[in-house]
């Protein structure tokens, strides 16, 4: 049992290329409320949190640098919350894979402008936002982070913080913000400033044809 447990924890200590410290545990919250509760508990115990998505990073983005830390496995936060073909946006939990999101949007003849990395079958939305991924669609529409209209994050003490379009008191999040861009610090941050919970992304009509150049 101890050998299996150690191997499971060791998996969450690794990215594509290497590993550093092995975490105390890995926790997989299934809702924003559970994520908030985990963050509050870790904060009270003085334990560091390291968010992890699909596990395909090669930038040390979710490697542990101390033993007294916990991996926050975000893959159970995988629901598509709203697809709005009229205002052209989709709100999704950040553990949803790009493949699942793309399949759901295809039913409405939509897609996100940036529509995933090479590993999109199992890579999740939050990972691309955290790494500012550039891949499919970036030639015309920019990086993954540039598609975000609103973002909800959980801070270190468990506070749930809506930013961008998610912070609007009234109306839908099809606009980014009215004042200072408080969403920006939580994008391309490798999860250092807060744990992403859900995001609203722009949508476009699916092209009738697509070709690739390398």
N, C-alpha and C. Protein backbone atom coordinates (compact mmCIF):
# COMPACT_ATOMS: atom_id res chain seq x y z
N UNK A 1 0.84 -1.20 0.00
CA UNK A 1 0.00 0.00 0.00
C UNK A 1 0.87 1.25 0.00
N UNK A 2 1.92 1.26 0.84
CA UNK A 2 2.79 2.43 0.91
C UNK A 2 3.49 2.67 -0.42
N UNK A 3 3.86 1.58 -1.10
CA UNK A 3 4.55 1.73 -2.38
C UNK A 3 3.60 2.35 -3.41
N UNK A 4 2.36 1.89 -3.46
CA UNK A 4 1.38 2.44 -4.39
C UNK A 4 1.11 3.90 -4.07
N UNK A 5 0.96 4.23 -2.78
CA UNK A 5 0.69 5.60 -2.37
C UNK A 5 1.85 6.51 -2.76
N UNK A 6 3.07 6.06 -2.55
CA UNK A 6 4.23 6.88 -2.90
C UNK A 6 4.29 7.12 -4.39
N UNK A 7 4.01 6.08 -5.18
CA UNK A 7 4.04 6.24 -6.63
C UNK A 7 2.97 7.23 -7.09
N UNK A 8 1.80 7.21 -6.44
CA UNK A 8 0.75 8.15 -6.82
C UNK A 8 1.18 9.57 -6.52
N UNK A 9 1.78 9.79 -5.35
CA UNK A 9 2.24 11.13 -5.01
C UNK A 9 3.40 11.55 -5.90
N UNK A 10 4.26 10.60 -6.25
CA UNK A 10 5.39 10.92 -7.12
C UNK A 10 4.92 11.37 -8.49
N UNK A 11 3.83 10.79 -8.97
CA UNK A 11 3.28 11.21 -10.26
C UNK A 11 2.95 12.69 -10.25
N UNK A 12 2.37 13.17 -9.16
CA UNK A 12 1.98 14.57 -9.08
C UNK A 12 3.16 15.49 -8.80
N UNK A 13 4.35 14.91 -8.61
CA UNK A 13 5.56 15.71 -8.44
C UNK A 13 6.28 15.94 -9.76
N UNK A 14 5.78 15.32 -10.84
CA UNK A 14 6.50 15.34 -12.11
C UNK A 14 5.78 16.20 -13.15
N UNK A 15 6.58 16.85 -14.01
CA UNK A 15 6.02 17.37 -15.25
C UNK A 15 6.57 16.51 -16.39
N UNK A 16 6.57 17.01 -17.61
CA UNK A 16 6.99 16.18 -18.74
C UNK A 16 8.45 15.76 -18.61
N UNK A 17 9.29 16.62 -18.05
CA UNK A 17 10.73 16.38 -18.07
C UNK A 17 11.33 15.95 -16.75
N UNK A 18 10.83 16.45 -15.63
CA UNK A 18 11.53 16.19 -14.37
C UNK A 18 10.61 16.35 -13.19
N UNK A 19 11.16 16.09 -12.00
CA UNK A 19 10.42 16.27 -10.76
C UNK A 19 11.33 16.93 -9.73
N UNK A 20 10.69 17.54 -8.72
CA UNK A 20 11.44 18.13 -7.61
C UNK A 20 11.01 17.45 -6.32
N UNK A 21 10.27 18.15 -5.47
CA UNK A 21 9.83 17.56 -4.21
C UNK A 21 8.51 16.81 -4.39
N UNK A 22 8.32 15.75 -3.60
CA UNK A 22 7.07 14.98 -3.64
C UNK A 22 6.07 15.59 -2.65
N UNK A 23 4.83 15.88 -3.10
CA UNK A 23 3.85 16.53 -2.21
C UNK A 23 3.36 15.59 -1.12
N UNK A 24 2.76 16.19 -0.11
CA UNK A 24 2.14 15.41 0.95
C UNK A 24 0.97 14.60 0.43
N UNK A 25 0.21 15.20 -0.50
CA UNK A 25 -1.01 14.57 -1.00
C UNK A 25 -1.43 15.27 -2.28
N UNK A 26 -2.39 14.66 -2.96
CA UNK A 26 -3.05 15.28 -4.10
C UNK A 26 -4.55 15.28 -3.83
N UNK A 27 -5.18 16.43 -4.03
CA UNK A 27 -6.60 16.59 -3.75
C UNK A 27 -7.31 16.99 -5.04
N UNK A 28 -8.47 16.39 -5.31
CA UNK A 28 -9.21 16.67 -6.54
C UNK A 28 -10.59 17.20 -6.21
N UNK A 29 -10.75 18.50 -5.98
CA UNK A 29 -12.07 19.06 -5.68
C UNK A 29 -12.99 18.97 -6.90
N UNK A 30 -14.28 18.78 -6.62
CA UNK A 30 -15.25 18.65 -7.70
C UNK A 30 -16.17 19.84 -7.86
N UNK A 31 -15.95 20.88 -7.08
CA UNK A 31 -16.77 22.08 -7.17
C UNK A 31 -15.96 23.26 -6.66
N UNK A 32 -16.44 24.47 -6.95
CA UNK A 32 -15.77 25.67 -6.45
C UNK A 32 -15.82 25.68 -4.93
N UNK A 33 -16.92 25.22 -4.35
CA UNK A 33 -17.04 25.20 -2.90
C UNK A 33 -16.01 24.26 -2.28
N UNK A 34 -15.82 23.10 -2.88
CA UNK A 34 -14.82 22.17 -2.38
C UNK A 34 -13.42 22.74 -2.54
N UNK A 35 -13.16 23.38 -3.68
CA UNK A 35 -11.86 24.00 -3.91
C UNK A 35 -11.60 25.08 -2.86
N UNK A 36 -12.59 25.89 -2.57
CA UNK A 36 -12.45 26.93 -1.56
C UNK A 36 -12.16 26.33 -0.19
N UNK A 37 -12.85 25.26 0.15
CA UNK A 37 -12.64 24.62 1.45
C UNK A 37 -11.24 24.02 1.56
N UNK A 38 -10.75 23.42 0.48
CA UNK A 38 -9.40 22.86 0.47
C UNK A 38 -8.37 23.98 0.66
N UNK A 39 -8.57 25.09 -0.05
CA UNK A 39 -7.63 26.21 0.07
C UNK A 39 -7.62 26.76 1.50
N UNK A 40 -8.78 26.91 2.09
CA UNK A 40 -8.86 27.43 3.46
C UNK A 40 -8.17 26.48 4.44
N UNK A 41 -8.36 25.18 4.25
CA UNK A 41 -7.73 24.20 5.15
C UNK A 41 -6.20 24.22 5.00
N UNK A 42 -5.73 24.28 3.77
CA UNK A 42 -4.28 24.33 3.55
C UNK A 42 -3.69 25.61 4.11
N UNK A 43 -4.42 26.71 3.96
CA UNK A 43 -3.94 27.99 4.48
C UNK A 43 -3.84 27.95 6.00
N UNK A 44 -4.82 27.36 6.65
CA UNK A 44 -4.81 27.26 8.11
C UNK A 44 -3.67 26.39 8.61
N UNK A 45 -3.34 25.35 7.82
CA UNK A 45 -2.27 24.42 8.21
C UNK A 45 -0.88 24.89 7.78
N UNK A 46 -0.81 25.99 7.04
CA UNK A 46 0.48 26.45 6.56
C UNK A 46 1.08 25.57 5.48
N UNK A 47 0.21 24.93 4.71
CA UNK A 47 0.65 24.02 3.65
C UNK A 47 0.48 24.71 2.29
N UNK A 48 1.49 24.65 1.47
CA UNK A 48 1.44 25.28 0.15
C UNK A 48 0.54 24.48 -0.78
N UNK A 49 -0.06 25.16 -1.74
CA UNK A 49 -0.90 24.51 -2.75
C UNK A 49 -0.29 24.72 -4.13
N UNK A 50 -0.30 23.66 -4.93
CA UNK A 50 0.22 23.73 -6.29
C UNK A 50 -0.86 23.20 -7.24
N UNK A 51 -1.52 24.07 -8.03
CA UNK A 51 -2.55 23.59 -8.95
C UNK A 51 -1.96 22.87 -10.14
N UNK A 52 -2.67 21.85 -10.62
CA UNK A 52 -2.21 21.03 -11.74
C UNK A 52 -3.37 20.74 -12.66
N UNK A 53 -3.14 20.78 -13.95
CA UNK A 53 -4.17 20.47 -14.93
C UNK A 53 -3.99 19.08 -15.50
N UNK A 54 -3.81 19.00 -16.81
CA UNK A 54 -3.67 17.71 -17.46
C UNK A 54 -2.32 17.05 -17.29
N UNK A 55 -1.33 17.80 -16.84
CA UNK A 55 -0.02 17.21 -16.57
C UNK A 55 0.94 17.23 -17.73
N UNK A 56 0.80 18.17 -18.67
CA UNK A 56 1.65 18.19 -19.85
C UNK A 56 2.62 19.37 -19.89
N UNK A 57 2.76 20.06 -18.76
CA UNK A 57 3.67 21.21 -18.73
C UNK A 57 5.12 20.76 -18.77
N UNK A 58 5.95 21.56 -19.40
CA UNK A 58 7.41 21.33 -19.35
C UNK A 58 8.13 22.60 -18.92
N UNK A 59 7.46 23.44 -18.13
CA UNK A 59 8.02 24.71 -17.70
C UNK A 59 8.20 24.79 -16.18
N UNK A 60 8.09 23.67 -15.48
CA UNK A 60 8.14 23.64 -14.00
C UNK A 60 6.94 24.34 -13.38
N UNK A 61 5.90 24.57 -14.15
CA UNK A 61 4.77 25.35 -13.69
C UNK A 61 4.05 24.77 -12.49
N UNK A 62 4.01 23.45 -12.34
CA UNK A 62 3.31 22.86 -11.19
C UNK A 62 4.21 21.92 -10.40
N UNK A 63 5.52 22.11 -10.48
CA UNK A 63 6.42 21.31 -9.67
C UNK A 63 6.48 21.84 -8.24
N UNK A 64 6.65 20.92 -7.30
CA UNK A 64 6.71 21.28 -5.88
C UNK A 64 8.14 21.61 -5.48
N UNK A 65 8.32 22.71 -4.78
CA UNK A 65 9.64 23.10 -4.32
C UNK A 65 9.82 22.88 -2.82
N UNK A 66 8.78 22.36 -2.16
CA UNK A 66 8.86 22.04 -0.73
C UNK A 66 7.98 20.83 -0.45
N UNK A 67 8.35 20.07 0.57
CA UNK A 67 7.60 18.86 0.89
C UNK A 67 6.23 19.15 1.47
N UNK A 68 6.12 20.19 2.28
CA UNK A 68 4.84 20.48 2.93
C UNK A 68 3.93 21.24 1.98
N UNK A 69 3.53 20.53 0.94
CA UNK A 69 2.66 21.11 -0.08
C UNK A 69 1.71 20.05 -0.61
N UNK A 70 0.64 20.53 -1.23
CA UNK A 70 -0.41 19.64 -1.74
C UNK A 70 -0.69 19.98 -3.19
N UNK A 71 -0.83 18.97 -4.03
CA UNK A 71 -1.26 19.17 -5.41
C UNK A 71 -2.78 19.35 -5.44
N UNK A 72 -3.23 20.38 -6.14
CA UNK A 72 -4.65 20.56 -6.39
C UNK A 72 -4.91 20.09 -7.82
N UNK A 73 -5.43 18.88 -7.94
CA UNK A 73 -5.74 18.28 -9.24
C UNK A 73 -7.09 18.83 -9.69
N UNK A 74 -7.08 19.63 -10.75
CA UNK A 74 -8.29 20.36 -11.16
C UNK A 74 -9.17 19.61 -12.16
N UNK A 75 -8.85 18.37 -12.48
CA UNK A 75 -9.54 17.71 -13.60
C UNK A 75 -10.99 17.35 -13.31
N UNK A 76 -11.41 17.36 -12.06
CA UNK A 76 -12.83 17.11 -11.76
C UNK A 76 -13.68 18.37 -11.93
N UNK A 77 -13.05 19.51 -12.02
CA UNK A 77 -13.77 20.76 -12.34
C UNK A 77 -13.89 20.84 -13.85
N UNK A 78 -14.79 20.06 -14.41
CA UNK A 78 -14.78 19.84 -15.86
C UNK A 78 -16.11 20.10 -16.56
N UNK A 79 -17.00 20.86 -15.92
CA UNK A 79 -18.31 21.08 -16.52
C UNK A 79 -18.31 22.26 -17.49
N UNK A 80 -19.10 22.15 -18.54
CA UNK A 80 -19.37 23.28 -19.40
C UNK A 80 -20.63 23.94 -18.87
N UNK A 81 -20.51 25.15 -18.37
CA UNK A 81 -21.59 25.80 -17.62
C UNK A 81 -22.60 26.50 -18.51
N UNK A 82 -22.13 27.10 -19.60
CA UNK A 82 -23.05 27.81 -20.50
C UNK A 82 -22.41 27.98 -21.86
N UNK A 83 -23.19 27.72 -22.90
CA UNK A 83 -22.81 28.05 -24.27
C UNK A 83 -23.83 29.06 -24.77
N UNK A 84 -23.38 30.25 -25.15
CA UNK A 84 -24.28 31.31 -25.60
C UNK A 84 -23.97 31.64 -27.06
N UNK A 85 -24.71 31.05 -28.01
CA UNK A 85 -24.44 31.32 -29.43
C UNK A 85 -24.81 32.73 -29.87
N UNK A 86 -25.66 33.40 -29.10
CA UNK A 86 -26.07 34.76 -29.47
C UNK A 86 -24.97 35.77 -29.16
N UNK A 87 -24.50 35.75 -27.93
CA UNK A 87 -23.44 36.68 -27.53
C UNK A 87 -22.04 36.10 -27.76
N UNK A 88 -21.97 34.87 -28.25
CA UNK A 88 -20.72 34.26 -28.71
C UNK A 88 -19.71 34.09 -27.58
N UNK A 89 -20.12 33.40 -26.54
CA UNK A 89 -19.17 33.06 -25.48
C UNK A 89 -19.55 31.71 -24.88
N UNK A 90 -18.59 31.12 -24.17
CA UNK A 90 -18.81 29.88 -23.45
C UNK A 90 -18.17 30.01 -22.08
N UNK A 91 -18.88 29.55 -21.06
CA UNK A 91 -18.34 29.53 -19.71
C UNK A 91 -18.11 28.09 -19.31
N UNK A 92 -16.91 27.80 -18.84
CA UNK A 92 -16.50 26.42 -18.61
C UNK A 92 -15.61 26.35 -17.37
N UNK A 93 -15.72 25.25 -16.64
CA UNK A 93 -14.79 25.02 -15.55
C UNK A 93 -13.42 24.67 -16.13
N UNK A 94 -12.38 25.01 -15.39
CA UNK A 94 -11.04 24.98 -16.00
C UNK A 94 -10.44 23.58 -16.09
N UNK A 95 -11.08 22.56 -15.52
CA UNK A 95 -10.59 21.20 -15.67
C UNK A 95 -11.14 20.50 -16.90
N UNK A 96 -11.98 21.18 -17.67
CA UNK A 96 -12.53 20.62 -18.91
C UNK A 96 -11.42 20.51 -19.95
N UNK A 97 -11.37 19.42 -20.68
CA UNK A 97 -10.37 19.29 -21.72
C UNK A 97 -10.76 20.13 -22.93
N UNK A 98 -9.76 20.50 -23.71
CA UNK A 98 -10.04 21.26 -24.93
C UNK A 98 -10.83 20.42 -25.93
N UNK A 99 -10.61 19.12 -25.94
CA UNK A 99 -11.35 18.25 -26.85
C UNK A 99 -12.83 18.22 -26.50
N UNK A 100 -13.14 18.10 -25.21
CA UNK A 100 -14.54 18.08 -24.79
C UNK A 100 -15.21 19.41 -25.08
N UNK A 101 -14.49 20.51 -24.84
CA UNK A 101 -15.05 21.82 -25.13
C UNK A 101 -15.29 22.01 -26.62
N UNK A 102 -14.33 21.60 -27.42
CA UNK A 102 -14.47 21.73 -28.87
C UNK A 102 -15.65 20.91 -29.40
N UNK A 103 -15.83 19.70 -28.89
CA UNK A 103 -16.94 18.85 -29.32
C UNK A 103 -18.29 19.48 -28.95
N UNK A 104 -18.37 20.06 -27.75
CA UNK A 104 -19.62 20.68 -27.32
C UNK A 104 -19.94 21.91 -28.15
N UNK A 105 -18.94 22.72 -28.46
CA UNK A 105 -19.16 23.92 -29.26
C UNK A 105 -19.49 23.58 -30.70
N UNK A 106 -18.96 22.47 -31.21
CA UNK A 106 -19.23 22.08 -32.59
C UNK A 106 -20.71 21.85 -32.84
N UNK A 107 -21.44 21.45 -31.81
CA UNK A 107 -22.88 21.24 -31.95
C UNK A 107 -23.63 22.54 -32.21
N UNK A 108 -22.99 23.66 -31.92
CA UNK A 108 -23.58 24.98 -32.18
C UNK A 108 -22.86 25.70 -33.31
N UNK A 109 -22.02 24.97 -34.05
CA UNK A 109 -21.22 25.55 -35.13
C UNK A 109 -20.30 26.66 -34.62
N UNK A 110 -19.78 26.48 -33.41
CA UNK A 110 -18.88 27.44 -32.78
C UNK A 110 -17.57 26.78 -32.42
N UNK A 111 -16.57 27.62 -32.17
CA UNK A 111 -15.34 27.18 -31.53
C UNK A 111 -14.71 28.39 -30.85
N UNK A 112 -13.79 28.15 -29.94
CA UNK A 112 -13.00 29.25 -29.39
C UNK A 112 -11.93 29.63 -30.41
N UNK A 113 -11.53 30.90 -30.47
CA UNK A 113 -10.52 31.31 -31.47
C UNK A 113 -9.22 30.52 -31.32
N UNK A 114 -8.60 30.57 -30.15
CA UNK A 114 -7.57 29.60 -29.80
C UNK A 114 -8.32 28.36 -29.34
N UNK A 115 -8.02 27.22 -29.94
CA UNK A 115 -8.86 26.06 -29.60
C UNK A 115 -8.06 24.84 -29.14
N UNK A 116 -6.91 25.12 -28.48
CA UNK A 116 -6.25 24.05 -27.76
C UNK A 116 -4.83 23.78 -28.20
N UNK A 117 -4.06 23.13 -27.32
CA UNK A 117 -2.69 22.74 -27.64
C UNK A 117 -2.67 21.39 -28.36
N UNK A 118 -1.48 20.95 -28.72
CA UNK A 118 -1.32 19.67 -29.42
C UNK A 118 -1.87 18.51 -28.59
N UNK A 119 -1.76 18.62 -27.27
CA UNK A 119 -2.21 17.57 -26.37
C UNK A 119 -3.64 17.80 -25.90
N UNK A 120 -4.47 18.45 -26.74
CA UNK A 120 -5.79 18.87 -26.33
C UNK A 120 -6.77 17.77 -26.01
N UNK A 121 -6.48 16.51 -26.35
CA UNK A 121 -7.37 15.42 -25.98
C UNK A 121 -7.45 15.28 -24.46
N UNK A 122 -6.36 15.58 -23.78
CA UNK A 122 -6.34 15.44 -22.32
C UNK A 122 -5.86 16.70 -21.61
N UNK A 123 -5.32 17.68 -22.32
CA UNK A 123 -4.95 18.95 -21.69
C UNK A 123 -6.20 19.74 -21.36
N UNK A 124 -6.14 20.49 -20.26
CA UNK A 124 -7.34 21.19 -19.78
C UNK A 124 -7.23 22.69 -20.03
N UNK A 125 -8.38 23.34 -19.97
CA UNK A 125 -8.47 24.76 -20.27
C UNK A 125 -7.60 25.58 -19.31
N UNK A 126 -7.64 25.26 -18.02
CA UNK A 126 -6.89 26.04 -17.04
C UNK A 126 -5.39 25.99 -17.26
N UNK A 127 -4.88 24.85 -17.73
CA UNK A 127 -3.46 24.75 -17.98
C UNK A 127 -3.00 25.69 -19.07
N UNK A 128 -3.78 25.77 -20.15
CA UNK A 128 -3.42 26.67 -21.25
C UNK A 128 -3.48 28.12 -20.82
N UNK A 129 -4.46 28.47 -19.99
CA UNK A 129 -4.55 29.84 -19.48
C UNK A 129 -3.38 30.16 -18.56
N UNK A 130 -2.98 29.18 -17.75
CA UNK A 130 -1.89 29.39 -16.81
C UNK A 130 -0.55 29.53 -17.52
N UNK A 131 -0.40 28.79 -18.64
CA UNK A 131 0.87 28.80 -19.37
C UNK A 131 0.87 29.79 -20.54
N UNK A 132 -0.24 30.47 -20.76
CA UNK A 132 -0.38 31.37 -21.91
C UNK A 132 -0.05 30.62 -23.21
N UNK A 133 -0.68 29.48 -23.36
CA UNK A 133 -0.37 28.58 -24.47
C UNK A 133 -0.62 29.22 -25.83
N UNK A 134 0.27 28.92 -26.75
CA UNK A 134 0.14 29.34 -28.14
C UNK A 134 0.14 28.08 -29.00
N UNK A 135 -0.97 27.80 -29.67
CA UNK A 135 -1.02 26.64 -30.57
C UNK A 135 -2.15 26.81 -31.56
N UNK A 136 -3.09 25.85 -31.64
CA UNK A 136 -4.13 25.89 -32.66
C UNK A 136 -4.93 27.18 -32.58
N UNK A 137 -4.95 27.93 -33.67
CA UNK A 137 -5.68 29.18 -33.74
C UNK A 137 -4.87 30.41 -33.39
N UNK A 138 -3.67 30.23 -32.84
CA UNK A 138 -2.90 31.38 -32.37
C UNK A 138 -2.37 32.25 -33.51
N UNK A 139 -2.19 31.68 -34.68
CA UNK A 139 -1.67 32.47 -35.79
C UNK A 139 -2.56 33.65 -36.14
N UNK A 140 -3.87 33.49 -35.96
CA UNK A 140 -4.82 34.57 -36.24
C UNK A 140 -5.33 35.25 -34.98
N UNK A 141 -5.44 34.48 -33.87
CA UNK A 141 -6.20 34.99 -32.74
C UNK A 141 -5.40 35.14 -31.45
N UNK A 142 -4.14 34.81 -31.45
CA UNK A 142 -3.33 35.00 -30.25
C UNK A 142 -3.35 33.81 -29.30
N UNK A 143 -2.88 34.04 -28.10
CA UNK A 143 -2.70 32.98 -27.12
C UNK A 143 -4.01 32.61 -26.43
N UNK A 144 -3.96 31.55 -25.65
CA UNK A 144 -5.14 31.11 -24.90
C UNK A 144 -5.64 32.20 -23.97
N UNK A 145 -4.73 32.88 -23.27
CA UNK A 145 -5.12 33.89 -22.30
C UNK A 145 -5.84 35.06 -22.93
N UNK A 146 -5.56 35.34 -24.19
CA UNK A 146 -6.18 36.48 -24.86
C UNK A 146 -7.66 36.23 -25.17
N UNK A 147 -8.14 35.02 -25.03
CA UNK A 147 -9.53 34.70 -25.32
C UNK A 147 -10.44 34.87 -24.10
N UNK A 148 -9.84 35.08 -22.92
CA UNK A 148 -10.62 35.10 -21.68
C UNK A 148 -11.37 36.41 -21.51
N UNK A 149 -12.67 36.30 -21.22
CA UNK A 149 -13.52 37.45 -20.95
C UNK A 149 -13.79 37.63 -19.46
N UNK A 150 -13.83 36.53 -18.74
CA UNK A 150 -14.09 36.57 -17.31
C UNK A 150 -13.45 35.36 -16.66
N UNK A 151 -13.07 35.50 -15.41
CA UNK A 151 -12.36 34.42 -14.72
C UNK A 151 -12.75 34.44 -13.26
N UNK A 152 -13.01 33.25 -12.71
CA UNK A 152 -13.23 33.11 -11.27
C UNK A 152 -12.07 32.32 -10.69
N UNK A 153 -11.42 32.87 -9.67
CA UNK A 153 -10.28 32.22 -9.05
C UNK A 153 -10.54 32.05 -7.57
N UNK A 154 -9.84 31.09 -6.97
CA UNK A 154 -9.87 30.87 -5.53
C UNK A 154 -8.51 31.28 -4.98
N UNK A 155 -8.51 32.21 -4.04
CA UNK A 155 -7.28 32.71 -3.47
C UNK A 155 -6.76 31.77 -2.38
N UNK A 156 -5.58 32.08 -1.86
CA UNK A 156 -4.90 31.17 -0.93
C UNK A 156 -5.70 30.92 0.34
N UNK A 157 -6.50 31.89 0.77
CA UNK A 157 -7.27 31.72 2.00
C UNK A 157 -8.65 31.13 1.77
N UNK A 158 -8.96 30.76 0.50
CA UNK A 158 -10.25 30.18 0.17
C UNK A 158 -11.25 31.17 -0.38
N UNK A 159 -10.90 32.45 -0.42
CA UNK A 159 -11.80 33.45 -0.97
C UNK A 159 -12.05 33.19 -2.45
N UNK A 160 -13.31 33.23 -2.87
CA UNK A 160 -13.68 33.06 -4.28
C UNK A 160 -13.76 34.46 -4.89
N UNK A 161 -12.93 34.72 -5.89
CA UNK A 161 -12.80 36.05 -6.46
C UNK A 161 -13.20 36.04 -7.94
N UNK A 162 -14.33 36.66 -8.30
CA UNK A 162 -14.68 36.82 -9.72
C UNK A 162 -13.95 38.03 -10.30
N UNK A 163 -13.38 37.88 -11.49
CA UNK A 163 -12.66 38.97 -12.14
C UNK A 163 -13.15 39.11 -13.58
N UNK A 164 -12.78 40.21 -14.22
CA UNK A 164 -13.20 40.44 -15.59
C UNK A 164 -14.72 40.46 -15.69
N UNK A 165 -15.25 39.83 -16.74
CA UNK A 165 -16.68 39.78 -16.95
C UNK A 165 -17.43 39.06 -15.85
N UNK A 166 -16.77 38.18 -15.11
CA UNK A 166 -17.44 37.47 -14.02
C UNK A 166 -17.74 38.38 -12.85
N UNK A 167 -17.09 39.54 -12.79
CA UNK A 167 -17.28 40.46 -11.67
C UNK A 167 -18.40 41.47 -11.91
N UNK A 168 -19.01 41.44 -13.09
CA UNK A 168 -20.11 42.37 -13.36
C UNK A 168 -21.30 42.06 -12.47
N UNK A 169 -21.84 43.08 -11.84
CA UNK A 169 -22.96 42.87 -10.93
C UNK A 169 -24.22 42.45 -11.68
N UNK A 170 -24.39 42.95 -12.89
CA UNK A 170 -25.58 42.64 -13.68
C UNK A 170 -25.14 42.33 -15.11
N UNK A 171 -25.87 41.44 -15.74
CA UNK A 171 -25.57 41.14 -17.13
C UNK A 171 -24.66 39.94 -17.29
N UNK A 172 -24.53 39.50 -18.51
CA UNK A 172 -23.74 38.33 -18.84
C UNK A 172 -22.29 38.72 -19.11
N UNK A 173 -21.37 37.77 -18.96
CA UNK A 173 -19.94 38.10 -19.07
C UNK A 173 -19.41 38.10 -20.51
N UNK A 174 -20.12 38.76 -21.43
CA UNK A 174 -19.60 38.79 -22.80
C UNK A 174 -18.70 39.99 -23.03
N UNK A 175 -18.51 40.82 -21.98
CA UNK A 175 -17.52 41.89 -22.01
C UNK A 175 -16.45 41.57 -20.97
N UNK A 176 -15.26 42.10 -21.20
CA UNK A 176 -14.14 41.75 -20.32
C UNK A 176 -14.18 42.51 -19.01
N UNK A 177 -14.21 43.84 -19.07
CA UNK A 177 -14.21 44.64 -17.85
C UNK A 177 -14.57 46.08 -18.20
N UNK A 178 -14.89 46.83 -17.19
CA UNK A 178 -15.17 48.25 -17.35
C UNK A 178 -14.01 49.12 -16.86
N UNK A 179 -13.30 48.67 -15.87
CA UNK A 179 -12.22 49.46 -15.28
C UNK A 179 -10.88 48.76 -15.40
N UNK A 180 -10.03 48.86 -14.39
CA UNK A 180 -8.72 48.20 -14.43
C UNK A 180 -8.86 46.70 -14.65
N UNK A 181 -7.92 46.11 -15.36
CA UNK A 181 -7.97 44.69 -15.70
C UNK A 181 -7.45 43.87 -14.53
N UNK A 182 -8.33 43.53 -13.60
CA UNK A 182 -7.93 42.73 -12.45
C UNK A 182 -7.84 41.25 -12.78
N UNK A 183 -8.27 40.87 -13.97
CA UNK A 183 -8.16 39.47 -14.39
C UNK A 183 -6.75 39.14 -14.86
N UNK A 184 -6.06 40.11 -15.43
CA UNK A 184 -4.76 39.88 -16.04
C UNK A 184 -3.73 39.19 -15.16
N UNK A 185 -3.59 39.59 -13.88
CA UNK A 185 -2.57 38.94 -13.05
C UNK A 185 -2.76 37.44 -12.87
N UNK A 186 -3.99 36.95 -13.06
CA UNK A 186 -4.25 35.53 -12.84
C UNK A 186 -4.11 34.70 -14.12
N UNK A 187 -3.76 35.35 -15.22
CA UNK A 187 -3.51 34.65 -16.48
C UNK A 187 -2.00 34.57 -16.72
N UNK A 188 -1.55 33.48 -17.32
CA UNK A 188 -0.13 33.28 -17.61
C UNK A 188 0.71 33.34 -16.33
N UNK A 189 0.13 32.93 -15.21
CA UNK A 189 0.81 33.02 -13.91
C UNK A 189 1.24 31.66 -13.39
N UNK A 190 1.01 30.58 -14.17
CA UNK A 190 1.29 29.21 -13.75
C UNK A 190 0.59 28.87 -12.43
N UNK A 191 -0.51 29.55 -12.16
CA UNK A 191 -1.28 29.25 -10.95
C UNK A 191 -0.69 29.83 -9.68
N UNK A 192 0.28 30.73 -9.80
CA UNK A 192 0.99 31.22 -8.62
C UNK A 192 0.15 32.16 -7.76
N UNK A 193 -0.78 32.92 -8.37
CA UNK A 193 -1.49 33.95 -7.64
C UNK A 193 -2.89 33.53 -7.20
N UNK A 194 -3.40 32.45 -7.76
CA UNK A 194 -4.73 31.96 -7.41
C UNK A 194 -5.03 30.72 -8.23
N UNK A 195 -5.96 29.92 -7.75
CA UNK A 195 -6.32 28.70 -8.46
C UNK A 195 -7.55 28.98 -9.30
N UNK A 196 -7.44 28.82 -10.59
CA UNK A 196 -8.54 29.10 -11.50
C UNK A 196 -9.67 28.10 -11.27
N UNK A 197 -10.90 28.58 -11.32
CA UNK A 197 -12.06 27.71 -11.13
C UNK A 197 -12.92 27.64 -12.39
N UNK A 198 -13.24 28.80 -12.98
CA UNK A 198 -14.04 28.81 -14.21
C UNK A 198 -13.63 30.02 -15.03
N UNK A 199 -13.92 29.94 -16.33
CA UNK A 199 -13.54 31.01 -17.25
C UNK A 199 -14.61 31.15 -18.32
N UNK A 200 -14.79 32.37 -18.80
CA UNK A 200 -15.62 32.62 -19.97
C UNK A 200 -14.70 32.97 -21.13
N UNK A 201 -14.88 32.28 -22.25
CA UNK A 201 -14.03 32.44 -23.43
C UNK A 201 -14.86 32.96 -24.60
N UNK A 202 -14.23 33.72 -25.47
CA UNK A 202 -14.88 34.16 -26.69
C UNK A 202 -15.19 32.96 -27.58
N UNK A 203 -16.16 33.11 -28.44
CA UNK A 203 -16.46 32.11 -29.47
C UNK A 203 -16.50 32.77 -30.84
N UNK A 204 -16.21 31.99 -31.86
CA UNK A 204 -16.37 32.42 -33.25
C UNK A 204 -17.10 31.31 -33.99
N UNK A 205 -17.63 31.63 -35.18
CA UNK A 205 -18.23 30.60 -36.01
C UNK A 205 -17.15 29.67 -36.53
N UNK A 206 -17.46 28.40 -36.61
CA UNK A 206 -16.48 27.45 -37.11
C UNK A 206 -16.22 27.71 -38.59
N UNK A 207 -14.96 27.70 -39.02
CA UNK A 207 -14.67 27.92 -40.44
C UNK A 207 -15.16 26.74 -41.27
N UNK A 208 -15.51 27.04 -42.50
CA UNK A 208 -15.98 25.96 -43.39
C UNK A 208 -14.83 25.12 -43.90
N UNK A 209 -13.62 25.66 -43.87
CA UNK A 209 -12.43 24.91 -44.31
C UNK A 209 -11.26 25.31 -43.45
N UNK A 210 -10.30 24.41 -43.31
CA UNK A 210 -9.13 24.71 -42.51
C UNK A 210 -7.91 24.01 -43.11
N UNK A 211 -6.82 24.73 -43.24
CA UNK A 211 -5.57 24.15 -43.69
C UNK A 211 -4.45 24.58 -42.75
N UNK A 212 -3.41 23.82 -42.71
CA UNK A 212 -2.31 24.09 -41.79
C UNK A 212 -1.02 24.29 -42.59
N UNK A 213 -0.16 25.14 -42.05
CA UNK A 213 1.16 25.35 -42.63
C UNK A 213 2.17 25.25 -41.50
N UNK A 214 3.30 24.64 -41.78
CA UNK A 214 4.32 24.44 -40.76
C UNK A 214 5.65 25.00 -41.24
